[in-house]
Amino acid sequence: MQKRLVKSKNRVFTGVLGGVSEYFDWEPTLVRIIYTIATFLTGIVGGCVVYVIASMIMPAD
């Protein structure tokens, strides 16, 4: 079976980061921490825009 990048049921907001963590078999908390740090270091608006776009594009599980 081919792996698909979909929103996860393990969600805090929309399931985007949970889906990324399931796709790569990573710990969900680690993915959320890395994303939060990267968002603050690169500018908050860009990270938020990327998250909103990903939540609109990624299909639900």
N, C-alpha and C. Protein backbone atom coordinates (compact mmCIF):
# COMPACT_ATOMS: atom_id res chain seq x y z
N MET A 1 0.84 -1.18 0.00
CA MET A 1 0.00 0.00 0.00
C MET A 1 0.89 1.25 0.00
N GLN A 2 0.54 2.20 -0.80
CA GLN A 2 1.30 3.44 -0.92
C GLN A 2 0.92 4.40 0.20
N LYS A 3 1.93 5.04 0.79
CA LYS A 3 1.67 6.01 1.85
C LYS A 3 1.12 7.30 1.25
N ARG A 4 0.15 7.91 1.95
CA ARG A 4 -0.43 9.17 1.51
C ARG A 4 -0.29 10.19 2.63
N LEU A 5 -0.07 11.42 2.25
CA LEU A 5 -0.01 12.51 3.21
C LEU A 5 -1.41 13.05 3.40
N VAL A 6 -2.02 12.71 4.53
CA VAL A 6 -3.39 13.13 4.84
C VAL A 6 -3.42 13.71 6.25
N LYS A 7 -4.47 14.43 6.55
CA LYS A 7 -4.65 14.97 7.89
C LYS A 7 -4.85 13.81 8.87
N SER A 8 -4.35 13.99 10.06
CA SER A 8 -4.41 12.95 11.07
C SER A 8 -5.59 13.15 12.01
N LYS A 9 -6.02 12.07 12.61
CA LYS A 9 -7.01 12.18 13.68
C LYS A 9 -6.32 12.58 14.99
N ASN A 10 -5.00 12.45 15.04
CA ASN A 10 -4.19 12.92 16.17
C ASN A 10 -3.93 14.40 15.92
N ARG A 11 -4.87 15.23 16.28
CA ARG A 11 -4.81 16.64 15.91
C ARG A 11 -4.86 17.55 17.12
N VAL A 12 -4.26 18.73 16.92
CA VAL A 12 -4.40 19.80 17.89
C VAL A 12 -5.30 20.87 17.28
N PHE A 13 -5.02 21.27 16.04
CA PHE A 13 -5.87 22.23 15.33
C PHE A 13 -6.59 21.53 14.18
N THR A 14 -5.88 21.32 13.07
CA THR A 14 -6.53 20.72 11.90
C THR A 14 -5.97 19.36 11.52
N GLY A 15 -4.91 18.91 12.14
CA GLY A 15 -4.34 17.60 11.86
C GLY A 15 -3.22 17.61 10.85
N VAL A 16 -2.76 18.77 10.41
CA VAL A 16 -1.70 18.86 9.41
C VAL A 16 -0.39 18.30 9.96
N LEU A 17 0.04 18.77 11.10
CA LEU A 17 1.33 18.33 11.64
C LEU A 17 1.26 16.88 12.12
N GLY A 18 0.10 16.45 12.59
CA GLY A 18 -0.08 15.04 12.93
C GLY A 18 0.03 14.16 11.70
N GLY A 19 -0.51 14.63 10.59
CA GLY A 19 -0.40 13.89 9.32
C GLY A 19 1.03 13.81 8.83
N VAL A 20 1.78 14.89 8.96
CA VAL A 20 3.19 14.89 8.57
C VAL A 20 3.96 13.91 9.43
N SER A 21 3.69 13.90 10.73
CA SER A 21 4.41 12.99 11.62
C SER A 21 4.07 11.53 11.32
N GLU A 22 2.83 11.23 10.98
CA GLU A 22 2.48 9.86 10.62
C GLU A 22 3.10 9.45 9.29
N TYR A 23 3.18 10.36 8.35
CA TYR A 23 3.75 10.06 7.04
C TYR A 23 5.23 9.69 7.15
N PHE A 24 5.97 10.43 7.97
CA PHE A 24 7.40 10.18 8.13
C PHE A 24 7.72 9.27 9.32
N ASP A 25 6.70 8.79 10.03
CA ASP A 25 6.88 7.94 11.22
C ASP A 25 7.73 8.63 12.28
N TRP A 26 7.42 9.89 12.54
CA TRP A 26 8.10 10.68 13.56
C TRP A 26 7.16 10.90 14.74
N GLU A 27 7.71 11.31 15.85
CA GLU A 27 6.92 11.62 17.04
C GLU A 27 6.13 12.93 16.78
N PRO A 28 4.81 12.93 16.98
CA PRO A 28 4.01 14.13 16.69
C PRO A 28 4.43 15.35 17.50
N THR A 29 4.79 15.15 18.75
CA THR A 29 5.21 16.29 19.58
C THR A 29 6.48 16.93 19.04
N LEU A 30 7.40 16.10 18.57
CA LEU A 30 8.65 16.62 18.00
C LEU A 30 8.37 17.44 16.75
N VAL A 31 7.49 16.97 15.90
CA VAL A 31 7.14 17.71 14.67
C VAL A 31 6.51 19.06 15.03
N ARG A 32 5.63 19.06 16.02
CA ARG A 32 4.98 20.32 16.42
C ARG A 32 5.98 21.30 17.02
N ILE A 33 6.92 20.82 17.81
CA ILE A 33 7.94 21.70 18.40
C ILE A 33 8.85 22.27 17.32
N ILE A 34 9.30 21.42 16.40
CA ILE A 34 10.17 21.90 15.31
C ILE A 34 9.44 22.91 14.45
N TYR A 35 8.17 22.66 14.13
CA TYR A 35 7.41 23.61 13.31
C TYR A 35 7.23 24.94 14.03
N THR A 36 6.95 24.89 15.32
CA THR A 36 6.76 26.13 16.09
C THR A 36 8.05 26.93 16.14
N ILE A 37 9.17 26.29 16.40
CA ILE A 37 10.46 26.98 16.44
C ILE A 37 10.78 27.57 15.07
N ALA A 38 10.59 26.78 14.01
CA ALA A 38 10.87 27.27 12.66
C ALA A 38 9.97 28.45 12.30
N THR A 39 8.72 28.42 12.74
CA THR A 39 7.80 29.51 12.45
C THR A 39 8.26 30.80 13.14
N PHE A 40 8.68 30.71 14.39
CA PHE A 40 9.13 31.91 15.11
C PHE A 40 10.46 32.43 14.57
N LEU A 41 11.34 31.54 14.14
CA LEU A 41 12.65 31.97 13.63
C LEU A 41 12.58 32.58 12.24
N THR A 42 11.60 32.19 11.44
CA THR A 42 11.52 32.68 10.06
C THR A 42 10.44 33.73 9.86
N GLY A 43 9.76 34.08 10.89
CA GLY A 43 8.69 35.07 10.77
C GLY A 43 7.36 34.37 10.95
N ILE A 44 6.57 34.86 11.83
CA ILE A 44 5.35 34.17 12.23
C ILE A 44 4.33 34.11 11.09
N VAL A 45 4.23 35.14 10.30
CA VAL A 45 3.21 35.20 9.25
C VAL A 45 3.42 34.10 8.21
N GLY A 46 4.65 33.90 7.79
CA GLY A 46 4.94 32.88 6.78
C GLY A 46 4.56 31.49 7.23
N GLY A 47 4.90 31.14 8.47
CA GLY A 47 4.56 29.83 9.00
C GLY A 47 3.07 29.63 9.12
N CYS A 48 2.37 30.67 9.50
CA CYS A 48 0.91 30.57 9.63
C CYS A 48 0.26 30.42 8.26
N VAL A 49 0.75 31.13 7.27
CA VAL A 49 0.21 31.03 5.91
C VAL A 49 0.43 29.62 5.36
N VAL A 50 1.63 29.08 5.55
CA VAL A 50 1.93 27.73 5.09
C VAL A 50 1.00 26.72 5.75
N TYR A 51 0.76 26.87 7.05
CA TYR A 51 -0.12 25.95 7.77
C TYR A 51 -1.56 26.03 7.25
N VAL A 52 -2.05 27.23 7.02
CA VAL A 52 -3.42 27.40 6.53
C VAL A 52 -3.57 26.80 5.13
N ILE A 53 -2.59 27.04 4.26
CA ILE A 53 -2.64 26.47 2.91
C ILE A 53 -2.60 24.95 2.97
N ALA A 54 -1.72 24.41 3.82
CA ALA A 54 -1.63 22.95 3.95
C ALA A 54 -2.93 22.37 4.48
N SER A 55 -3.58 23.08 5.40
CA SER A 55 -4.84 22.56 5.95
C SER A 55 -5.95 22.58 4.90
N MET A 56 -5.86 23.46 3.94
CA MET A 56 -6.87 23.50 2.87
C MET A 56 -6.58 22.46 1.80
N ILE A 57 -5.31 22.16 1.56
CA ILE A 57 -4.93 21.26 0.47
C ILE A 57 -4.94 19.79 0.89
N MET A 58 -4.48 19.49 2.10
CA MET A 58 -4.38 18.10 2.53
C MET A 58 -5.76 17.48 2.70
N PRO A 59 -5.96 16.29 2.15
CA PRO A 59 -7.25 15.62 2.32
C PRO A 59 -7.38 15.04 3.72
N ALA A 60 -8.61 14.86 4.17
CA ALA A 60 -8.86 14.24 5.47
C ALA A 60 -8.63 12.75 5.37
N ASP A 61 -8.34 12.14 6.50
CA ASP A 61 -8.07 10.71 6.54
C ASP A 61 -9.34 9.91 6.31
